[in-house]
C-alpha atoms as a PDB file:
ATOM      1  CA  MET A   1      -0.230   0.543  -6.984  1.00  0.00           C
ATOM      2  CA  THR A   2      -3.164   2.211  -8.753  1.00  0.00           C
ATOM      3  CA  ASN A   3      -2.307   5.532  -7.108  1.00  0.00           C
ATOM      4  CA  ASP A   4       1.014   5.459  -9.017  1.00  0.00           C
ATOM      5  CA  ILE A   5      -0.696   5.341 -12.418  1.00  0.00           C
ATOM      6  CA  ASN A   6      -1.463   8.573 -14.229  1.00  0.00           C
ATOM      7  CA  TRP A   7      -4.884   7.625 -15.625  1.00  0.00           C
ATOM      8  CA  GLY A   8      -5.031  10.778 -17.733  1.00  0.00           C
ATOM      9  CA  ARG A   9      -1.898   9.752 -19.605  1.00  0.00           C
ATOM     10  CA  GLU A  10      -3.131   6.174 -19.911  1.00  0.00           C
ATOM     11  CA  LEU A  11      -6.390   7.393 -21.416  1.00  0.00           C
ATOM     12  CA  LEU A  12      -4.453   9.264 -24.107  1.00  0.00           C
ATOM     13  CA  TYR A  13      -2.601   6.099 -25.106  1.00  0.00           C
ATOM     14  CA  TYR A  14      -5.394   3.549 -24.676  1.00  0.00           C
ATOM     15  CA  PRO A  15      -5.804   1.607 -27.958  1.00  0.00           C
ATOM     16  CA  ILE A  16      -9.008   2.761 -29.629  1.00  0.00           C
ATOM     17  CA  PRO A  17     -10.407   0.566 -32.416  1.00  0.00           C
ATOM     18  CA  ASP A  18     -10.963   1.976 -35.902  1.00  0.00           C
ATOM     19  CA  GLY A  19     -14.456   3.392 -36.275  1.00  0.00           C
ATOM     20  CA  PHE A  20     -14.911   4.098 -32.559  1.00  0.00           C
ATOM     21  CA  ASP A  21     -16.683   7.447 -32.163  1.00  0.00           C
ATOM     22  CA  SER A  22     -14.135  10.022 -30.992  1.00  0.00           C
ATOM     23  CA  TRP A  23     -16.934  11.798 -29.085  1.00  0.00           C
ATOM     24  CA  TYR A  24     -16.616   9.191 -26.316  1.00  0.00           C
ATOM     25  CA  VAL A  25     -12.858   9.644 -26.056  1.00  0.00           C
ATOM     26  CA  ASN A  26     -13.210  13.429 -26.037  1.00  0.00           C
ATOM     27  CA  LYS A  27     -15.927  13.223 -23.361  1.00  0.00           C
ATOM     28  CA  CYS A  28     -13.639  11.170 -21.128  1.00  0.00           C
ATOM     29  CA  LYS A  29     -10.780  13.625 -21.719  1.00  0.00           C
ATOM     30  CA  ASP A  30     -13.096  16.528 -20.846  1.00  0.00           C
ATOM     31  CA  ASP A  31     -14.281  14.777 -17.682  1.00  0.00           C
ATOM     32  CA  MET A  32     -10.688  14.151 -16.597  1.00  0.00           C
ATOM     33  CA  ARG A  33      -9.721  17.741 -17.342  1.00  0.00           C
ATOM     34  CA  ASP A  34     -12.710  18.997 -15.337  1.00  0.00           C
ATOM     35  CA  ASN A  35     -11.761  16.770 -12.409  1.00  0.00           C
ATOM     36  CA  VAL A  36      -8.174  18.051 -12.339  1.00  0.00           C
ATOM     37  CA  GLN A  37      -9.247  21.686 -12.740  1.00  0.00           C
ATOM     38  CA  ASN A  38     -11.597  21.247  -9.797  1.00  0.00           C
ATOM     39  CA  GLY A  39      -8.868  20.009  -7.468  1.00  0.00           C
ATOM     40  CA  GLY A  40      -8.639  16.394  -8.531  1.00  0.00           C
ATOM     41  CA  ASN A  41      -5.528  14.521  -9.529  1.00  0.00           C
ATOM     42  CA  PRO A  42      -4.747  12.475 -12.665  1.00  0.00           C
ATOM     43  CA  LYS A  43      -3.896   9.590 -10.317  1.00  0.00           C
ATOM     44  CA  ASP A  44      -7.055   9.688  -8.159  1.00  0.00           C
ATOM     45  CA  LYS A  45     -10.076   7.378  -8.003  1.00  0.00           C
ATOM     46  CA  VAL A  46     -12.236   9.736 -10.093  1.00  0.00           C
ATOM     47  CA  THR A  47      -9.857   9.642 -13.067  1.00  0.00           C
ATOM     48  CA  GLU A  48      -9.430   5.900 -12.591  1.00  0.00           C
ATOM     49  CA  LYS A  49     -13.209   5.494 -12.968  1.00  0.00           C
ATOM     50  CA  ILE A  50     -13.231   7.675 -16.088  1.00  0.00           C
ATOM     51  CA  PHE A  51     -10.506   5.481 -17.613  1.00  0.00           C
ATOM     52  CA  LEU A  52     -12.519   2.375 -16.676  1.00  0.00           C
ATOM     53  CA  ARG A  53     -15.614   3.850 -18.352  1.00  0.00           C
ATOM     54  CA  LEU A  54     -13.703   4.307 -21.615  1.00  0.00           C
ATOM     55  CA  CYS A  55     -12.356   0.741 -21.444  1.00  0.00           C
ATOM     56  CA  ARG A  56     -15.868  -0.636 -20.999  1.00  0.00           C
ATOM     57  CA  LEU A  57     -17.202   1.499 -23.862  1.00  0.00           C
ATOM     58  CA  VAL A  58     -14.494   0.057 -26.100  1.00  0.00           C
ATOM     59  CA  ASP A  59     -15.457  -3.471 -24.965  1.00  0.00           C
ATOM     60  CA  ILE A  60     -19.087  -2.748 -25.841  1.00  0.00           C
ATOM     61  CA  TYR A  61     -18.062  -1.362 -29.235  1.00  0.00           C
ATOM     62  CA  CYS A  62     -16.008  -4.506 -29.882  1.00  0.00           C
ATOM     63  CA  LYS A  63     -19.030  -6.614 -28.870  1.00  0.00           C
ATOM     64  CA  GLN A  64     -17.210  -8.161 -25.934  1.00  0.00           C
ATOM     65  CA  ASP A  65     -19.011  -9.237 -22.802  1.00  0.00           C
ATOM     66  CA  ILE A  66     -18.426  -6.807 -19.952  1.00  0.00           C
ATOM     67  CA  ASP A  67     -16.689  -8.291 -16.939  1.00  0.00           C
ATOM     68  CA  TRP A  68     -18.059  -5.981 -14.248  1.00  0.00           C
ATOM     69  CA  LYS A  69     -15.427  -7.215 -11.787  1.00  0.00           C
ATOM     70  CA  LYS A  70     -12.611  -6.101 -14.094  1.00  0.00           C
ATOM     71  CA  THR A  71     -10.887  -3.003 -12.735  1.00  0.00           C
ATOM     72  CA  ALA A  72      -9.053  -0.154 -14.436  1.00  0.00           C
ATOM     73  CA  LEU A  73      -5.829  -1.795 -13.281  1.00  0.00           C
ATOM     74  CA  ASP A  74      -6.883  -5.053 -14.994  1.00  0.00           C
ATOM     75  CA  TYR A  75      -7.393  -3.195 -18.280  1.00  0.00           C
ATOM     76  CA  TRP A  76      -4.098  -1.348 -17.817  1.00  0.00           C
ATOM     77  CA  ASN A  77      -2.240  -4.609 -17.157  1.00  0.00           C
ATOM     78  CA  GLU A  78      -3.875  -6.187 -20.215  1.00  0.00           C
ATOM     79  CA  VAL A  79      -2.725  -3.364 -22.502  1.00  0.00           C
ATOM     80  CA  ASP A  80       0.724  -3.293 -20.914  1.00  0.00           C
ATOM     81  CA  SER A  81       1.050  -7.043 -21.423  1.00  0.00           C
ATOM     82  CA  ASN A  82      -0.020  -6.769 -25.076  1.00  0.00           C
ATOM     83  CA  LEU A  83       2.472  -3.963 -25.699  1.00  0.00           C
ATOM     84  CA  LYS A  84       5.256  -6.119 -24.296  1.00  0.00           C
ATOM     85  CA  GLY A  85       4.238  -8.990 -26.572  1.00  0.00           C
ATOM     86  CA  ASN A  86       2.886 -11.195 -23.789  1.00  0.00           C
ATOM     87  CA  GLY A  87      -0.731 -11.031 -24.965  1.00  0.00           C
ATOM     88  CA  ASP A  88      -2.733 -13.660 -26.749  1.00  0.00           C
END
């Protein structure tokens, strides 16, 4: 299923908390753009890892413990669930 997700698009819409330094978001966007320009795909493992990096940076910013077993798909499902009103 993860190869069906456009991680570049998901990065653009990932909820960023107020006060989070936009440099990190822009760095992730630049890394994704570089990957695609060099033959990558917005749905590949490289962009998935870039998305995961941003999610973990946001967790650190929010002073949440990092669950190193949590995948990009886990974060994506969490956000999707919250958007549908199924979150805590």
